Amino acid sequence: DKLKEKGSKVKALSCDPGYSASNLQSTAEKGGLFLKVFVGLAPIFRYVQSPADGSLDIGMCCFSPDANSGDFYMPSSKGGMVGKPKKSISGGMPVKSGTEAESVS
């Protein structure tokens, strides 16, 4: 709202890449037992997507004609871990009422 008031063309959006098969998880410091187990089991249950697929959410933020300030994009499947980008928050409000918990993975 402050950006619009000042006539700015800048948009403020956010996104979550989900779980991408990058070295981020393997280099996380002090991940603990949970992280080690999850990283080991995630591929078996297909909770991992390629780095390219993980970058689709930021692509939607940058290039979608439907992207506006206050929007949040995240993967659409398996609890926000993998899948096509979906807008879960639009203009700072949940797209579907009661799904606020879906705004983070």
C-alpha atoms as a PDB file:
ATOM      1  CA  ASP A   1       0.000   0.000   0.000  1.00  0.00           C
ATOM      2  CA  LYS A   2       2.828   2.400   0.826  1.00  0.00           C
ATOM      3  CA  LEU A   3       4.432   1.723  -2.547  1.00  0.00           C
ATOM      4  CA  LYS A   4       1.172   2.484  -4.375  1.00  0.00           C
ATOM      5  CA  GLU A   5       0.652   5.675  -2.370  1.00  0.00           C
ATOM      6  CA  LYS A   6       4.023   6.940  -3.554  1.00  0.00           C
ATOM      7  CA  GLY A   7       3.310   6.007  -7.170  1.00  0.00           C
ATOM      8  CA  SER A   8       6.005   3.330  -7.236  1.00  0.00           C
ATOM      9  CA  LYS A   9       5.975   0.581  -9.849  1.00  0.00           C
ATOM     10  CA  VAL A  10       7.829  -1.739  -7.452  1.00  0.00           C
ATOM     11  CA  LYS A  11       5.979  -4.846  -6.281  1.00  0.00           C
ATOM     12  CA  ALA A  12       6.662  -6.751  -3.053  1.00  0.00           C
ATOM     13  CA  LEU A  13       5.998 -10.498  -3.369  1.00  0.00           C
ATOM     14  CA  SER A  14       7.243 -13.635  -1.688  1.00  0.00           C
ATOM     15  CA  CYS A  15       7.693 -17.261  -2.622  1.00  0.00           C
ATOM     16  CA  ASP A  16       8.833 -20.617  -1.308  1.00  0.00           C
ATOM     17  CA  PRO A  17      10.793 -23.009  -3.566  1.00  0.00           C
ATOM     18  CA  GLY A  18       9.649 -26.084  -1.659  1.00  0.00           C
ATOM     19  CA  TYR A  19      12.183 -28.901  -1.433  1.00  0.00           C
ATOM     20  CA  SER A  20      14.569 -28.779  -4.359  1.00  0.00           C
ATOM     21  CA  ALA A  21      17.361 -31.247  -5.003  1.00  0.00           C
ATOM     22  CA  SER A  22      20.172 -28.805  -4.336  1.00  0.00           C
ATOM     23  CA  ASN A  23      23.113 -28.878  -1.956  1.00  0.00           C
ATOM     24  CA  LEU A  24      21.330 -26.575   0.509  1.00  0.00           C
ATOM     25  CA  GLN A  25      20.041 -29.431   2.649  1.00  0.00           C
ATOM     26  CA  SER A  26      23.350 -31.278   2.643  1.00  0.00           C
ATOM     27  CA  THR A  27      25.258 -28.191   3.761  1.00  0.00           C
ATOM     28  CA  ALA A  28      22.820 -27.056   6.461  1.00  0.00           C
ATOM     29  CA  GLU A  29      24.689 -26.670   9.727  1.00  0.00           C
ATOM     30  CA  LYS A  30      23.475 -28.579  12.763  1.00  0.00           C
ATOM     31  CA  GLY A  31      20.459 -29.974  10.938  1.00  0.00           C
ATOM     32  CA  GLY A  32      19.962 -32.599  13.573  1.00  0.00           C
ATOM     33  CA  LEU A  33      18.502 -36.055  13.303  1.00  0.00           C
ATOM     34  CA  PHE A  34      15.167 -34.907  11.834  1.00  0.00           C
ATOM     35  CA  LEU A  35      16.846 -33.174   8.898  1.00  0.00           C
ATOM     36  CA  LYS A  36      19.132 -36.152   8.238  1.00  0.00           C
ATOM     37  CA  VAL A  37      16.196 -38.575   8.254  1.00  0.00           C
ATOM     38  CA  PHE A  38      14.018 -36.280   6.114  1.00  0.00           C
ATOM     39  CA  VAL A  39      16.766 -35.694   3.544  1.00  0.00           C
ATOM     40  CA  GLY A  40      17.281 -39.462   3.341  1.00  0.00           C
ATOM     41  CA  LEU A  41      13.593 -40.356   2.984  1.00  0.00           C
ATOM     42  CA  ALA A  42      12.335 -37.432   0.887  1.00  0.00           C
ATOM     43  CA  PRO A  43      13.414 -38.878  -2.490  1.00  0.00           C
ATOM     44  CA  ILE A  44      11.742 -42.212  -1.708  1.00  0.00           C
ATOM     45  CA  PHE A  45       8.393 -40.512  -1.141  1.00  0.00           C
ATOM     46  CA  ARG A  46       8.920 -38.042  -4.015  1.00  0.00           C
ATOM     47  CA  TYR A  47       9.065 -34.983  -1.792  1.00  0.00           C
ATOM     48  CA  VAL A  48      11.897 -33.584  -3.908  1.00  0.00           C
ATOM     49  CA  GLN A  49      11.827 -31.586  -7.127  1.00  0.00           C
ATOM     50  CA  SER A  50      14.573 -30.420  -9.446  1.00  0.00           C
ATOM     51  CA  PRO A  51      16.296 -27.073  -8.841  1.00  0.00           C
ATOM     52  CA  ALA A  52      14.683 -25.834 -12.058  1.00  0.00           C
ATOM     53  CA  ASP A  53      11.214 -26.735 -10.783  1.00  0.00           C
ATOM     54  CA  GLY A  54      12.053 -25.122  -7.448  1.00  0.00           C
ATOM     55  CA  SER A  55      12.774 -21.854  -9.266  1.00  0.00           C
ATOM     56  CA  LEU A  56       9.326 -21.703 -10.884  1.00  0.00           C
ATOM     57  CA  ASP A  57       7.780 -19.900  -7.911  1.00  0.00           C
ATOM     58  CA  ILE A  58      10.181 -16.955  -8.195  1.00  0.00           C
ATOM     59  CA  GLY A  59       9.533 -16.955 -11.944  1.00  0.00           C
ATOM     60  CA  MET A  60       5.820 -16.533 -11.245  1.00  0.00           C
ATOM     61  CA  CYS A  61       6.564 -13.635  -8.894  1.00  0.00           C
ATOM     62  CA  CYS A  62       8.728 -11.936 -11.503  1.00  0.00           C
ATOM     63  CA  PHE A  63       6.847 -12.554 -14.723  1.00  0.00           C
ATOM     64  CA  SER A  64       3.220 -13.522 -14.124  1.00  0.00           C
ATOM     65  CA  PRO A  65       0.787 -10.828 -15.242  1.00  0.00           C
ATOM     66  CA  ASP A  66      -1.367 -11.919 -12.282  1.00  0.00           C
ATOM     67  CA  ALA A  67       1.403 -11.287  -9.702  1.00  0.00           C
ATOM     68  CA  ASN A  68       0.774  -8.311  -7.422  1.00  0.00           C
ATOM     69  CA  SER A  69       2.153  -6.914  -4.183  1.00  0.00           C
ATOM     70  CA  GLY A  70       1.270  -9.032  -1.186  1.00  0.00           C
ATOM     71  CA  ASP A  71       1.114 -12.282  -3.166  1.00  0.00           C
ATOM     72  CA  PHE A  72       2.808 -15.487  -2.035  1.00  0.00           C
ATOM     73  CA  TYR A  73       3.619 -18.382  -4.386  1.00  0.00           C
ATOM     74  CA  MET A  74       4.495 -21.912  -3.295  1.00  0.00           C
ATOM     75  CA  PRO A  75       4.515 -25.454  -4.700  1.00  0.00           C
ATOM     76  CA  SER A  76       1.029 -26.910  -4.987  1.00  0.00           C
ATOM     77  CA  SER A  77       1.570 -30.499  -3.876  1.00  0.00           C
ATOM     78  CA  LYS A  78       2.655 -32.585  -0.869  1.00  0.00           C
ATOM     79  CA  GLY A  79       2.256 -29.830   1.693  1.00  0.00           C
ATOM     80  CA  GLY A  80       4.034 -27.218  -0.370  1.00  0.00           C
ATOM     81  CA  MET A  81       7.121 -29.314  -0.966  1.00  0.00           C
ATOM     82  CA  VAL A  82       6.794 -30.003  -4.715  1.00  0.00           C
ATOM     83  CA  GLY A  83       4.531 -29.196  -7.643  1.00  0.00           C
ATOM     84  CA  LYS A  84       3.424 -26.402  -9.915  1.00  0.00           C
ATOM     85  CA  PRO A  85       3.468 -22.913  -8.426  1.00  0.00           C
ATOM     86  CA  LYS A  86       0.240 -21.778  -6.822  1.00  0.00           C
ATOM     87  CA  LYS A  87      -0.727 -18.456  -5.341  1.00  0.00           C
ATOM     88  CA  SER A  88      -1.703 -19.196  -1.752  1.00  0.00           C
ATOM     89  CA  ILE A  89      -1.862 -15.577  -0.590  1.00  0.00           C
ATOM     90  CA  SER A  90      -3.184 -12.770  -2.768  1.00  0.00           C
ATOM     91  CA  GLY A  91      -2.770  -9.177  -1.697  1.00  0.00           C
ATOM     92  CA  GLY A  92      -1.864 -10.306   1.810  1.00  0.00           C
ATOM     93  CA  MET A  93      -4.990 -12.442   2.248  1.00  0.00           C
ATOM     94  CA  PRO A  94      -5.328 -16.242   1.886  1.00  0.00           C
ATOM     95  CA  VAL A  95      -6.688 -17.260  -1.514  1.00  0.00           C
ATOM     96  CA  LYS A  96      -8.862 -19.830   0.219  1.00  0.00           C
ATOM     97  CA  SER A  97     -10.169 -18.983   3.676  1.00  0.00           C
ATOM     98  CA  GLY A  98      -8.779 -21.196   6.415  1.00  0.00           C
ATOM     99  CA  THR A  99      -5.634 -22.155   4.501  1.00  0.00           C
ATOM    100  CA  GLU A 100      -3.207 -19.799   6.261  1.00  0.00           C
ATOM    101  CA  ALA A 101      -1.185 -22.836   7.348  1.00  0.00           C
ATOM    102  CA  GLU A 102      -0.536 -23.584   3.674  1.00  0.00           C
ATOM    103  CA  SER A 103       1.462 -20.386   3.289  1.00  0.00           C
ATOM    104  CA  VAL A 104       4.656 -22.032   4.485  1.00  0.00           C
ATOM    105  CA  SER A 105       6.272 -25.389   3.884  1.00  0.00           C
END
